[in-house]
Amino acid sequence: MVFVSVIVPCYNEQTTIRLLLDAVYQQSYQRDQMEVIIADGMSTDGTRAQIQAFQAQHPDLLVKVVDNTRRIIPAALNRAIEAASGSVIVRLDAHSRPDREYVARSVADLEAGLGDNVGGVWMIQPGADTWVARSIAVAASHPLGVGDALYRFTDTASEVDTAPFGAFRRELVERIGFFDETLLTNEDYEFNTRIRLSGGRVWLDPQIRSEYFARKNYGDLAKQYWRYGYWKLRMLRRYPKTLRWRQALPPLFVLSLVGLAILALFWHVALQLLILEAGFYLGVLLTASVPLAARHRDPRFLIGVPAAVAVMHLCWGAGFLWSGIQSIFSQQVVS
């Protein structure tokens, strides 16, 4: 049995860190063959107190805390890997709660040679007990909101471009390098891209399951997807061939809305096209939300889910475009 290091980036997660630690403690994998390395970004809430309480109550599971003074996710992952003793690294998130077989299944897939990095599916959970949070969770696990991101809804194991979190052998890091600390997000996708470019394989196994707690309000969701879009372009500038259709649609949609809105100031046809496009988009969102509202028996989903999907699309696309605009202006200043 291989020794496993579970690594967790963390910052101000007092409400969820204990859920994660309890889930790791309940893993079917042999407890004395696991350790947990939490890279904390100098939390200012009660996160460390929660961790210390868990350590005191569960001395049979080794839990270490390392400082992540840079307070960014890739730096947290790298500090945790540096402090890890395991030959297998299992990355989790402080917003997640892994299934009991998560570690055992991840190790089994690695030993079976299914992939150099193996990951599973997210079962998206609301970040709070409100209808808005429930709407966001539903939107974040629907193809309309996330396109072909299979790890959010598939039941079929397959080779993929990327997988959430992931488990890999320590020797993989020695071969392709650590996580890129110049990216504030999209670090997983960039890491998996280097795996594939080196001839490796990323494997998605739906039997590796974890609950992931989505953002609890539209403001937090907007910030999250703006950040995703902004840093996705920075990553794509290095690996342009990794662009997928689902990633191109949001910035094109935002660009069309902005362009038509400007043209509508002096061209009546543009205003008609803008109304037509916006109306069609809203119609698609409402149509997709009807069965969701019926399935969950909550008519508020007819408002909440379209709003969440629109926030995801528009903020991702706007962040992507703003990243491009900044890059153009920075190049002009340098030249």
C-alpha atoms as a PDB file:
ATOM      1  CA  MET A   1       0.000   0.000   0.000  1.00  0.00           C
ATOM      2  CA  VAL A   2       1.442   3.363  -1.055  1.00  0.00           C
ATOM      3  CA  PHE A   3       1.633   6.319   1.300  1.00  0.00           C
ATOM      4  CA  VAL A   4      -0.717   9.117   0.218  1.00  0.00           C
ATOM      5  CA  SER A   5      -0.406  12.849   0.838  1.00  0.00           C
ATOM      6  CA  VAL A   6      -3.709  14.719   0.588  1.00  0.00           C
ATOM      7  CA  ILE A   7      -2.913  18.351  -0.215  1.00  0.00           C
ATOM      8  CA  VAL A   8      -5.397  21.177   0.336  1.00  0.00           C
ATOM      9  CA  PRO A   9      -5.082  24.884  -0.559  1.00  0.00           C
ATOM     10  CA  CYS A  10      -7.013  26.907   1.978  1.00  0.00           C
ATOM     11  CA  TYR A  11      -7.890  30.481   2.936  1.00  0.00           C
ATOM     12  CA  ASN A  12     -10.632  31.581   5.339  1.00  0.00           C
ATOM     13  CA  GLU A  13     -12.576  28.321   5.146  1.00  0.00           C
ATOM     14  CA  GLN A  14     -13.805  27.976   8.713  1.00  0.00           C
ATOM     15  CA  THR A  15     -17.269  26.888   7.554  1.00  0.00           C
ATOM     16  CA  THR A  16     -16.094  24.022   5.302  1.00  0.00           C
ATOM     17  CA  ILE A  17     -12.610  22.897   6.374  1.00  0.00           C
ATOM     18  CA  ARG A  18     -13.987  20.630   9.094  1.00  0.00           C
ATOM     19  CA  LEU A  19     -16.348  18.969   6.597  1.00  0.00           C
ATOM     20  CA  LEU A  20     -13.341  18.164   4.423  1.00  0.00           C
ATOM     21  CA  LEU A  21     -11.210  16.855   7.287  1.00  0.00           C
ATOM     22  CA  ASP A  22     -14.034  14.689   8.621  1.00  0.00           C
ATOM     23  CA  ALA A  23     -14.503  13.219   5.127  1.00  0.00           C
ATOM     24  CA  VAL A  24     -10.787  12.469   4.794  1.00  0.00           C
ATOM     25  CA  TYR A  25     -10.811  10.837   8.226  1.00  0.00           C
ATOM     26  CA  GLN A  26     -13.652   8.560   7.106  1.00  0.00           C
ATOM     27  CA  GLN A  27     -11.831   7.378   3.969  1.00  0.00           C
ATOM     28  CA  SER A  28     -11.708   3.624   3.371  1.00  0.00           C
ATOM     29  CA  TYR A  29      -7.986   3.936   2.681  1.00  0.00           C
ATOM     30  CA  GLN A  30      -5.782   2.844   5.573  1.00  0.00           C
ATOM     31  CA  ARG A  31      -5.472   5.851   7.867  1.00  0.00           C
ATOM     32  CA  ASP A  32      -1.852   5.287   8.882  1.00  0.00           C
ATOM     33  CA  GLN A  33      -0.946   5.398   5.184  1.00  0.00           C
ATOM     34  CA  MET A  34      -2.294   8.927   4.738  1.00  0.00           C
ATOM     35  CA  GLU A  35      -1.355  12.428   5.737  1.00  0.00           C
ATOM     36  CA  VAL A  36      -3.100  15.749   5.122  1.00  0.00           C
ATOM     37  CA  ILE A  37      -1.072  18.843   4.187  1.00  0.00           C
ATOM     38  CA  ILE A  38      -3.071  22.078   4.390  1.00  0.00           C
ATOM     39  CA  ALA A  39      -1.408  25.096   2.771  1.00  0.00           C
ATOM     40  CA  ASP A  40      -3.121  27.993   4.485  1.00  0.00           C
ATOM     41  CA  GLY A  41      -2.980  31.487   3.012  1.00  0.00           C
ATOM     42  CA  MET A  42      -2.660  33.067   6.458  1.00  0.00           C
ATOM     43  CA  SER A  43      -6.392  32.798   7.231  1.00  0.00           C
ATOM     44  CA  THR A  44      -7.875  35.601   9.308  1.00  0.00           C
ATOM     45  CA  ASP A  45     -11.012  33.769  10.435  1.00  0.00           C
ATOM     46  CA  GLY A  46     -11.321  30.647  12.584  1.00  0.00           C
ATOM     47  CA  THR A  47      -9.901  28.227  10.002  1.00  0.00           C
ATOM     48  CA  ARG A  48      -6.739  27.372  11.928  1.00  0.00           C
ATOM     49  CA  ALA A  49      -8.685  26.951  15.150  1.00  0.00           C
ATOM     50  CA  GLN A  50     -10.925  24.429  13.374  1.00  0.00           C
ATOM     51  CA  ILE A  51      -7.870  22.553  12.113  1.00  0.00           C
ATOM     52  CA  GLN A  52      -6.265  22.523  15.563  1.00  0.00           C
ATOM     53  CA  ALA A  53      -9.471  21.212  17.115  1.00  0.00           C
ATOM     54  CA  PHE A  54      -9.577  18.405  14.560  1.00  0.00           C
ATOM     55  CA  GLN A  55      -5.921  17.537  15.214  1.00  0.00           C
ATOM     56  CA  ALA A  56      -6.573  17.289  18.947  1.00  0.00           C
ATOM     57  CA  GLN A  57      -9.616  15.055  18.459  1.00  0.00           C
ATOM     58  CA  HIS A  58      -8.085  12.801  15.769  1.00  0.00           C
ATOM     59  CA  PRO A  59      -4.414  12.185  16.578  1.00  0.00           C
ATOM     60  CA  ASP A  60      -4.436   9.003  14.476  1.00  0.00           C
ATOM     61  CA  LEU A  61      -4.521  11.045  11.234  1.00  0.00           C
ATOM     62  CA  LEU A  62      -1.449  13.143  10.533  1.00  0.00           C
ATOM     63  CA  VAL A  63      -2.474  16.700   9.639  1.00  0.00           C
ATOM     64  CA  LYS A  64       0.144  19.348   8.878  1.00  0.00           C
ATOM     65  CA  VAL A  65      -0.341  23.062   8.208  1.00  0.00           C
ATOM     66  CA  VAL A  66       2.125  25.009   6.069  1.00  0.00           C
ATOM     67  CA  ASP A  67       2.063  28.734   5.405  1.00  0.00           C
ATOM     68  CA  ASN A  68       1.153  30.023   1.958  1.00  0.00           C
ATOM     69  CA  THR A  69       2.353  33.603   2.281  1.00  0.00           C
ATOM     70  CA  ARG A  70       1.636  34.349  -1.396  1.00  0.00           C
ATOM     71  CA  ARG A  71      -2.060  33.548  -0.870  1.00  0.00           C
ATOM     72  CA  ILE A  72      -2.580  32.091  -4.333  1.00  0.00           C
ATOM     73  CA  ILE A  73      -3.699  28.563  -5.146  1.00  0.00           C
ATOM     74  CA  PRO A  74      -0.735  27.332  -7.250  1.00  0.00           C
ATOM     75  CA  ALA A  75       1.693  28.525  -4.569  1.00  0.00           C
ATOM     76  CA  ALA A  76      -0.381  26.697  -1.943  1.00  0.00           C
ATOM     77  CA  LEU A  77      -0.240  23.492  -3.965  1.00  0.00           C
ATOM     78  CA  ASN A  78       3.509  23.764  -4.430  1.00  0.00           C
ATOM     79  CA  ARG A  79       4.193  24.446  -0.739  1.00  0.00           C
ATOM     80  CA  ALA A  80       2.040  21.446   0.166  1.00  0.00           C
ATOM     81  CA  ILE A  81       3.809  19.182  -2.325  1.00  0.00           C
ATOM     82  CA  GLU A  82       7.175  20.300  -0.957  1.00  0.00           C
ATOM     83  CA  ALA A  83       6.066  19.335   2.546  1.00  0.00           C
ATOM     84  CA  ALA A  84       4.441  16.053   1.485  1.00  0.00           C
ATOM     85  CA  SER A  85       5.947  12.642   2.252  1.00  0.00           C
ATOM     86  CA  GLY A  86       3.710  10.496   0.066  1.00  0.00           C
ATOM     87  CA  SER A  87       4.611   8.861  -3.221  1.00  0.00           C
ATOM     88  CA  VAL A  88       1.046   9.640  -4.366  1.00  0.00           C
ATOM     89  CA  ILE A  89      -0.408  13.140  -4.160  1.00  0.00           C
ATOM     90  CA  VAL A  90      -4.196  13.585  -3.930  1.00  0.00           C
ATOM     91  CA  ARG A  91      -5.310  17.178  -4.361  1.00  0.00           C
ATOM     92  CA  LEU A  92      -8.535  18.274  -2.704  1.00  0.00           C
ATOM     93  CA  ASP A  93     -10.161  21.617  -2.006  1.00  0.00           C
ATOM     94  CA  ALA A  94     -11.354  23.210   1.218  1.00  0.00           C
ATOM     95  CA  HIS A  95     -14.746  23.649  -0.499  1.00  0.00           C
ATOM     96  CA  SER A  96     -15.065  19.909  -1.136  1.00  0.00           C
ATOM     97  CA  ARG A  97     -16.151  16.737   0.652  1.00  0.00           C
ATOM     98  CA  PRO A  98     -14.789  13.541  -0.940  1.00  0.00           C
ATOM     99  CA  ASP A  99     -16.706  10.276  -1.105  1.00  0.00           C
ATOM    100  CA  ARG A 100     -15.470   7.542   1.258  1.00  0.00           C
ATOM    101  CA  GLU A 101     -13.751   5.647  -1.594  1.00  0.00           C
ATOM    102  CA  TYR A 102     -12.151   8.756  -3.104  1.00  0.00           C
ATOM    103  CA  VAL A 103      -8.543   8.097  -2.096  1.00  0.00           C
ATOM    104  CA  ALA A 104      -8.716   4.325  -2.571  1.00  0.00           C
ATOM    105  CA  ARG A 105     -10.239   4.653  -6.037  1.00  0.00           C
ATOM    106  CA  SER A 106      -7.719   7.318  -7.065  1.00  0.00           C
ATOM    107  CA  VAL A 107      -4.797   5.111  -6.024  1.00  0.00           C
ATOM    108  CA  ALA A 108      -6.341   2.083  -7.752  1.00  0.00           C
ATOM    109  CA  ASP A 109      -6.697   3.982 -11.044  1.00  0.00           C
ATOM    110  CA  LEU A 110      -3.091   5.186 -10.853  1.00  0.00           C
ATOM    111  CA  GLU A 111      -1.828   1.672 -10.147  1.00  0.00           C
ATOM    112  CA  ALA A 112      -3.928   0.345 -13.034  1.00  0.00           C
ATOM    113  CA  GLY A 113      -2.171   2.816 -15.348  1.00  0.00           C
ATOM    114  CA  LEU A 114      -5.370   4.510 -16.461  1.00  0.00           C
ATOM    115  CA  GLY A 115      -3.808   7.962 -16.331  1.00  0.00           C
ATOM    116  CA  ASP A 116      -0.884  10.022 -15.137  1.00  0.00           C
ATOM    117  CA  ASN A 117      -3.400  12.261 -13.394  1.00  0.00           C
ATOM    118  CA  VAL A 118      -6.781  10.858 -12.405  1.00  0.00           C
ATOM    119  CA  GLY A 119      -9.787  12.782 -11.193  1.00  0.00           C
ATOM    120  CA  GLY A 120     -13.483  12.367 -10.700  1.00  0.00           C
ATOM    121  CA  VAL A 121     -16.821  14.118 -10.880  1.00  0.00           C
ATOM    122  CA  TRP A 122     -18.177  16.925  -8.746  1.00  0.00           C
ATOM    123  CA  MET A 123     -21.569  16.623  -7.129  1.00  0.00           C
ATOM    124  CA  ILE A 124     -22.295  20.329  -6.822  1.00  0.00           C
ATOM    125  CA  GLN A 125     -23.887  21.356  -3.528  1.00  0.00           C
ATOM    126  CA  PRO A 126     -25.334  24.750  -2.514  1.00  0.00           C
ATOM    127  CA  GLY A 127     -22.983  26.999  -0.603  1.00  0.00           C
ATOM    128  CA  ALA A 128     -25.834  28.113   1.672  1.00  0.00           C
ATOM    129  CA  ASP A 129     -29.404  27.149   2.514  1.00  0.00           C
ATOM    130  CA  THR A 130     -31.084  29.717   0.253  1.00  0.00           C
ATOM    131  CA  TRP A 131     -32.932  29.470  -3.042  1.00  0.00           C
ATOM    132  CA  VAL A 132     -30.255  31.616  -4.712  1.00  0.00           C
ATOM    133  CA  ALA A 133     -27.485  29.271  -3.546  1.00  0.00           C
ATOM    134  CA  ARG A 134     -29.507  26.257  -4.693  1.00  0.00           C
ATOM    135  CA  SER A 135     -30.054  27.902  -8.077  1.00  0.00           C
ATOM    136  CA  ILE A 136     -26.316  28.525  -8.445  1.00  0.00           C
ATOM    137  CA  ALA A 137     -25.538  24.891  -7.576  1.00  0.00           C
ATOM    138  CA  VAL A 138     -27.983  23.640 -10.214  1.00  0.00           C
ATOM    139  CA  ALA A 139     -26.599  26.017 -12.850  1.00  0.00           C
ATOM    140  CA  ALA A 140     -23.019  24.997 -12.043  1.00  0.00           C
ATOM    141  CA  SER A 141     -23.796  21.354 -12.784  1.00  0.00           C
ATOM    142  CA  HIS A 142     -25.815  21.880 -15.984  1.00  0.00           C
ATOM    143  CA  PRO A 143     -24.311  21.673 -19.512  1.00  0.00           C
ATOM    144  CA  LEU A 144     -25.922  25.013 -20.374  1.00  0.00           C
ATOM    145  CA  GLY A 145     -23.791  26.651 -17.708  1.00  0.00           C
ATOM    146  CA  VAL A 146     -20.563  24.666 -18.021  1.00  0.00           C
ATOM    147  CA  GLY A 147     -20.604  23.355 -21.606  1.00  0.00           C
ATOM    148  CA  ASP A 148     -18.621  20.167 -22.108  1.00  0.00           C
ATOM    149  CA  ALA A 149     -16.901  20.202 -18.706  1.00  0.00           C
ATOM    150  CA  LEU A 150     -17.624  16.496 -18.210  1.00  0.00           C
ATOM    151  CA  TYR A 151     -16.417  16.365 -14.629  1.00  0.00           C
ATOM    152  CA  ARG A 152     -19.561  18.239 -13.599  1.00  0.00           C
ATOM    153  CA  PHE A 153     -22.110  15.762 -14.932  1.00  0.00           C
ATOM    154  CA  THR A 154     -20.784  12.677 -16.766  1.00  0.00           C
ATOM    155  CA  ASP A 155     -21.344   9.022 -15.824  1.00  0.00           C
ATOM    156  CA  THR A 156     -18.773   7.658 -18.278  1.00  0.00           C
ATOM    157  CA  ALA A 157     -15.060   7.125 -17.610  1.00  0.00           C
ATOM    158  CA  SER A 158     -12.824   8.559 -20.326  1.00  0.00           C
ATOM    159  CA  GLU A 159      -9.622  10.362 -21.202  1.00  0.00           C
ATOM    160  CA  VAL A 160     -10.135  14.124 -20.878  1.00  0.00           C
ATOM    161  CA  ASP A 161      -8.318  17.435 -21.240  1.00  0.00           C
ATOM    162  CA  THR A 162      -8.574  18.204 -17.537  1.00  0.00           C
ATOM    163  CA  ALA A 163     -10.086  16.886 -14.336  1.00  0.00           C
ATOM    164  CA  PRO A 164     -10.798  18.635 -11.042  1.00  0.00           C
ATOM    165  CA  PHE A 165      -8.273  18.279  -8.243  1.00  0.00           C
ATOM    166  CA  GLY A 166      -6.589  15.080  -9.431  1.00  0.00           C
ATOM    167  CA  ALA A 167      -4.292  12.403  -8.022  1.00  0.00           C
ATOM    168  CA  PHE A 168      -0.829  11.742  -9.369  1.00  0.00           C
ATOM    169  CA  ARG A 169       2.489  10.201  -8.447  1.00  0.00           C
ATOM    170  CA  ARG A 170       5.070  12.512  -6.966  1.00  0.00           C
ATOM    171  CA  GLU A 171       7.459  11.585  -9.763  1.00  0.00           C
ATOM    172  CA  LEU A 172       5.117  13.342 -12.216  1.00  0.00           C
ATOM    173  CA  VAL A 173       5.984  16.699 -10.616  1.00  0.00           C
ATOM    174  CA  GLU A 174       9.670  15.823 -10.860  1.00  0.00           C
ATOM    175  CA  ARG A 175       9.141  15.147 -14.564  1.00  0.00           C
ATOM    176  CA  ILE A 176       6.976  18.076 -15.719  1.00  0.00           C
ATOM    177  CA  GLY A 177       7.464  20.604 -12.911  1.00  0.00           C
ATOM    178  CA  PHE A 178       5.334  22.180 -10.201  1.00  0.00           C
ATOM    179  CA  PHE A 179       2.150  24.193 -10.632  1.00  0.00           C
ATOM    180  CA  ASP A 180       2.649  27.511 -12.424  1.00  0.00           C
ATOM    181  CA  GLU A 181       2.665  30.288  -9.831  1.00  0.00           C
ATOM    182  CA  THR A 182       2.283  33.026 -12.448  1.00  0.00           C
ATOM    183  CA  LEU A 183      -1.359  31.957 -12.910  1.00  0.00           C
ATOM    184  CA  LEU A 184      -3.789  32.934 -10.164  1.00  0.00           C
ATOM    185  CA  THR A 185      -6.310  30.391 -11.437  1.00  0.00           C
ATOM    186  CA  ASN A 186      -6.556  27.805 -14.246  1.00  0.00           C
ATOM    187  CA  GLU A 187      -3.518  26.193 -12.644  1.00  0.00           C
ATOM    188  CA  ASP A 188      -5.153  22.737 -12.896  1.00  0.00           C
ATOM    189  CA  TYR A 189      -5.807  23.077 -16.617  1.00  0.00           C
ATOM    190  CA  GLU A 190      -2.279  24.325 -17.271  1.00  0.00           C
ATOM    191  CA  PHE A 191      -0.791  21.453 -15.244  1.00  0.00           C
ATOM    192  CA  ASN A 192      -2.903  18.917 -17.144  1.00  0.00           C
ATOM    193  CA  THR A 193      -1.909  20.523 -20.440  1.00  0.00           C
ATOM    194  CA  ARG A 194       1.749  19.918 -19.631  1.00  0.00           C
ATOM    195  CA  ILE A 195       0.911  16.317 -18.771  1.00  0.00           C
ATOM    196  CA  ARG A 196      -0.697  15.794 -22.181  1.00  0.00           C
ATOM    197  CA  LEU A 197       2.064  17.605 -24.061  1.00  0.00           C
ATOM    198  CA  SER A 198       4.621  15.353 -22.386  1.00  0.00           C
ATOM    199  CA  GLY A 199       2.800  12.286 -23.700  1.00  0.00           C
ATOM    200  CA  GLY A 200       0.823  11.588 -20.519  1.00  0.00           C
ATOM    201  CA  ARG A 201      -2.871  11.030 -20.017  1.00  0.00           C
ATOM    202  CA  VAL A 202      -5.543  12.647 -17.843  1.00  0.00           C
ATOM    203  CA  TRP A 203      -8.267  10.213 -16.798  1.00  0.00           C
ATOM    204  CA  LEU A 204     -11.766  11.007 -15.528  1.00  0.00           C
ATOM    205  CA  ASP A 205     -13.416   8.296 -13.427  1.00  0.00           C
ATOM    206  CA  PRO A 206     -17.019   9.003 -12.313  1.00  0.00           C
ATOM    207  CA  GLN A 207     -16.552   6.524  -9.467  1.00  0.00           C
ATOM    208  CA  ILE A 208     -14.155   9.057  -7.928  1.00  0.00           C
ATOM    209  CA  ARG A 209     -16.734  11.387  -6.464  1.00  0.00           C
ATOM    210  CA  SER A 210     -16.693  14.461  -4.292  1.00  0.00           C
ATOM    211  CA  GLU A 211     -19.173  17.086  -3.212  1.00  0.00           C
ATOM    212  CA  TYR A 212     -18.191  20.619  -4.131  1.00  0.00           C
ATOM    213  CA  PHE A 213     -19.827  23.613  -2.473  1.00  0.00           C
ATOM    214  CA  ALA A 214     -20.689  26.271  -5.047  1.00  0.00           C
ATOM    215  CA  ARG A 215     -20.675  30.009  -4.360  1.00  0.00           C
ATOM    216  CA  LYS A 216     -23.555  31.127  -2.192  1.00  0.00           C
ATOM    217  CA  ASN A 217     -24.570  34.365  -3.944  1.00  0.00           C
ATOM    218  CA  TYR A 218     -24.393  36.027  -7.337  1.00  0.00           C
ATOM    219  CA  GLY A 219     -21.706  38.485  -6.269  1.00  0.00           C
ATOM    220  CA  ASP A 220     -19.277  35.732  -5.284  1.00  0.00           C
ATOM    221  CA  LEU A 221     -20.207  33.791  -8.422  1.00  0.00           C
ATOM    222  CA  ALA A 222     -19.478  36.844 -10.596  1.00  0.00           C
ATOM    223  CA  LYS A 223     -16.038  37.319  -9.026  1.00  0.00           C
ATOM    224  CA  GLN A 224     -15.247  33.627  -9.460  1.00  0.00           C
ATOM    225  CA  TYR A 225     -16.152  33.504 -13.164  1.00  0.00           C
ATOM    226  CA  TRP A 226     -14.526  36.845 -13.954  1.00  0.00           C
ATOM    227  CA  ARG A 227     -11.337  35.411 -12.472  1.00  0.00           C
ATOM    228  CA  TYR A 228     -11.756  32.184 -14.468  1.00  0.00           C
ATOM    229  CA  GLY A 229     -12.161  34.075 -17.738  1.00  0.00           C
ATOM    230  CA  TYR A 230      -9.367  36.535 -17.037  1.00  0.00           C
ATOM    231  CA  TRP A 231      -6.751  33.888 -16.303  1.00  0.00           C
ATOM    232  CA  LYS A 232      -7.986  31.491 -18.975  1.00  0.00           C
ATOM    233  CA  LEU A 233      -6.784  33.883 -21.662  1.00  0.00           C
ATOM    234  CA  ARG A 234      -3.388  34.195 -19.950  1.00  0.00           C
ATOM    235  CA  MET A 235      -3.101  30.416 -20.056  1.00  0.00           C
ATOM    236  CA  LEU A 236      -4.319  30.193 -23.674  1.00  0.00           C
ATOM    237  CA  ARG A 237      -1.623  32.612 -24.818  1.00  0.00           C
ATOM    238  CA  ARG A 238       0.874  29.917 -23.909  1.00  0.00           C
ATOM    239  CA  TYR A 239      -1.173  26.999 -25.202  1.00  0.00           C
ATOM    240  CA  PRO A 240      -3.478  28.374 -27.939  1.00  0.00           C
ATOM    241  CA  LYS A 241      -4.283  24.921 -29.292  1.00  0.00           C
ATOM    242  CA  THR A 242      -6.097  24.057 -26.058  1.00  0.00           C
ATOM    243  CA  LEU A 243      -8.951  26.490 -26.825  1.00  0.00           C
ATOM    244  CA  ARG A 244     -12.324  24.698 -26.889  1.00  0.00           C
ATOM    245  CA  TRP A 245     -15.602  25.888 -28.413  1.00  0.00           C
ATOM    246  CA  ARG A 246     -17.274  26.281 -25.022  1.00  0.00           C
ATOM    247  CA  GLN A 247     -14.510  28.684 -23.982  1.00  0.00           C
ATOM    248  CA  ALA A 248     -14.845  30.826 -27.097  1.00  0.00           C
ATOM    249  CA  LEU A 249     -18.602  31.350 -26.905  1.00  0.00           C
ATOM    250  CA  PRO A 250     -18.892  33.578 -23.783  1.00  0.00           C
ATOM    251  CA  PRO A 251     -16.391  36.256 -24.926  1.00  0.00           C
ATOM    252  CA  LEU A 252     -17.926  36.264 -28.413  1.00  0.00           C
ATOM    253  CA  PHE A 253     -21.387  36.674 -26.874  1.00  0.00           C
ATOM    254  CA  VAL A 254     -20.275  39.536 -24.624  1.00  0.00           C
ATOM    255  CA  LEU A 255     -18.466  41.179 -27.543  1.00  0.00           C
ATOM    256  CA  SER A 256     -21.608  40.977 -29.697  1.00  0.00           C
ATOM    257  CA  LEU A 257     -23.747  42.534 -26.955  1.00  0.00           C
ATOM    258  CA  VAL A 258     -21.313  45.390 -26.414  1.00  0.00           C
ATOM    259  CA  GLY A 259     -20.829  45.928 -30.141  1.00  0.00           C
ATOM    260  CA  LEU A 260     -24.536  45.998 -30.895  1.00  0.00           C
ATOM    261  CA  ALA A 261     -25.196  48.290 -27.916  1.00  0.00           C
ATOM    262  CA  ILE A 262     -22.670  50.813 -29.274  1.00  0.00           C
ATOM    263  CA  LEU A 263     -23.985  50.583 -32.834  1.00  0.00           C
ATOM    264  CA  ALA A 264     -27.554  50.983 -31.552  1.00  0.00           C
ATOM    265  CA  LEU A 265     -26.724  54.552 -30.528  1.00  0.00           C
ATOM    266  CA  PHE A 266     -26.836  55.616 -34.171  1.00  0.00           C
ATOM    267  CA  TRP A 267     -28.181  52.595 -36.121  1.00  0.00           C
ATOM    268  CA  HIS A 268     -31.741  51.416 -35.434  1.00  0.00           C
ATOM    269  CA  VAL A 269     -31.172  47.976 -36.975  1.00  0.00           C
ATOM    270  CA  ALA A 270     -28.462  47.273 -34.399  1.00  0.00           C
ATOM    271  CA  LEU A 271     -30.949  47.956 -31.595  1.00  0.00           C
ATOM    272  CA  GLN A 272     -33.369  45.464 -33.135  1.00  0.00           C
ATOM    273  CA  LEU A 273     -30.600  42.871 -33.436  1.00  0.00           C
ATOM    274  CA  LEU A 274     -29.566  43.481 -29.813  1.00  0.00           C
ATOM    275  CA  ILE A 275     -33.138  42.975 -28.593  1.00  0.00           C
ATOM    276  CA  LEU A 276     -33.456  39.859 -30.755  1.00  0.00           C
ATOM    277  CA  GLU A 277     -30.200  38.357 -29.472  1.00  0.00           C
ATOM    278  CA  ALA A 278     -30.939  39.133 -25.836  1.00  0.00           C
ATOM    279  CA  GLY A 279     -34.488  37.832 -26.175  1.00  0.00           C
ATOM    280  CA  PHE A 280     -33.330  34.595 -27.796  1.00  0.00           C
ATOM    281  CA  TYR A 281     -30.705  34.085 -25.070  1.00  0.00           C
ATOM    282  CA  LEU A 282     -33.251  34.701 -22.320  1.00  0.00           C
ATOM    283  CA  GLY A 283     -35.672  32.317 -24.029  1.00  0.00           C
ATOM    284  CA  VAL A 284     -33.060  29.550 -24.106  1.00  0.00           C
ATOM    285  CA  LEU A 285     -32.284  30.061 -20.413  1.00  0.00           C
ATOM    286  CA  LEU A 286     -35.952  30.013 -19.425  1.00  0.00           C
ATOM    287  CA  THR A 287     -36.675  26.930 -21.552  1.00  0.00           C
ATOM    288  CA  ALA A 288     -33.810  25.020 -19.940  1.00  0.00           C
ATOM    289  CA  SER A 289     -34.938  26.123 -16.464  1.00  0.00           C
ATOM    290  CA  VAL A 290     -38.496  24.836 -16.721  1.00  0.00           C
ATOM    291  CA  PRO A 291     -37.662  21.121 -16.265  1.00  0.00           C
ATOM    292  CA  LEU A 292     -35.179  22.014 -13.522  1.00  0.00           C
ATOM    293  CA  ALA A 293     -37.811  23.971 -11.614  1.00  0.00           C
ATOM    294  CA  ALA A 294     -40.259  21.080 -12.047  1.00  0.00           C
ATOM    295  CA  ARG A 295     -37.725  18.449 -10.962  1.00  0.00           C
ATOM    296  CA  HIS A 296     -36.758  20.365  -7.823  1.00  0.00           C
ATOM    297  CA  ARG A 297     -40.335  21.563  -7.216  1.00  0.00           C
ATOM    298  CA  ASP A 298     -39.213  25.146  -6.801  1.00  0.00           C
ATOM    299  CA  PRO A 299     -40.641  27.766  -9.194  1.00  0.00           C
ATOM    300  CA  ARG A 300     -38.007  30.243  -8.029  1.00  0.00           C
ATOM    301  CA  PHE A 301     -35.526  28.305 -10.170  1.00  0.00           C
ATOM    302  CA  LEU A 302     -37.201  29.946 -13.183  1.00  0.00           C
ATOM    303  CA  ILE A 303     -35.500  33.151 -12.033  1.00  0.00           C
ATOM    304  CA  GLY A 304     -32.536  31.847 -10.083  1.00  0.00           C
ATOM    305  CA  VAL A 305     -31.056  29.415 -12.601  1.00  0.00           C
ATOM    306  CA  PRO A 306     -31.191  31.750 -15.644  1.00  0.00           C
ATOM    307  CA  ALA A 307     -29.657  34.503 -13.503  1.00  0.00           C
ATOM    308  CA  ALA A 308     -26.833  32.203 -12.374  1.00  0.00           C
ATOM    309  CA  VAL A 309     -26.089  30.968 -15.903  1.00  0.00           C
ATOM    310  CA  ALA A 310     -26.103  34.526 -17.247  1.00  0.00           C
ATOM    311  CA  VAL A 311     -23.698  35.640 -14.516  1.00  0.00           C
ATOM    312  CA  MET A 312     -21.386  32.726 -15.359  1.00  0.00           C
ATOM    313  CA  HIS A 313     -21.433  33.411 -19.104  1.00  0.00           C
ATOM    314  CA  LEU A 314     -21.195  37.198 -18.977  1.00  0.00           C
ATOM    315  CA  CYS A 315     -18.547  37.432 -16.259  1.00  0.00           C
ATOM    316  CA  TRP A 316     -16.405  34.690 -17.794  1.00  0.00           C
ATOM    317  CA  GLY A 317     -16.617  36.355 -21.192  1.00  0.00           C
ATOM    318  CA  ALA A 318     -16.006  39.861 -19.826  1.00  0.00           C
ATOM    319  CA  GLY A 319     -13.017  38.690 -17.791  1.00  0.00           C
ATOM    320  CA  PHE A 320     -11.587  36.988 -20.871  1.00  0.00           C
ATOM    321  CA  LEU A 321     -11.992  40.122 -22.997  1.00  0.00           C
ATOM    322  CA  TRP A 322     -10.601  42.436 -20.319  1.00  0.00           C
ATOM    323  CA  SER A 323      -7.561  40.211 -20.009  1.00  0.00           C
ATOM    324  CA  GLY A 324      -7.032  40.571 -23.765  1.00  0.00           C
ATOM    325  CA  ILE A 325      -7.452  44.359 -23.648  1.00  0.00           C
ATOM    326  CA  GLN A 326      -4.924  44.638 -20.828  1.00  0.00           C
ATOM    327  CA  SER A 327      -2.469  42.474 -22.722  1.00  0.00           C
ATOM    328  CA  ILE A 328      -2.753  44.663 -25.843  1.00  0.00           C
ATOM    329  CA  PHE A 329      -2.211  47.884 -23.911  1.00  0.00           C
ATOM    330  CA  SER A 330       0.680  46.460 -21.906  1.00  0.00           C
ATOM    331  CA  GLN A 331       2.403  45.388 -25.133  1.00  0.00           C
ATOM    332  CA  GLN A 332       1.940  48.889 -26.577  1.00  0.00           C
ATOM    333  CA  VAL A 333       3.436  50.456 -23.456  1.00  0.00           C
ATOM    334  CA  VAL A 334       6.439  48.129 -23.620  1.00  0.00           C
ATOM    335  CA  SER A 335       6.983  48.798 -27.324  1.00  0.00           C
END
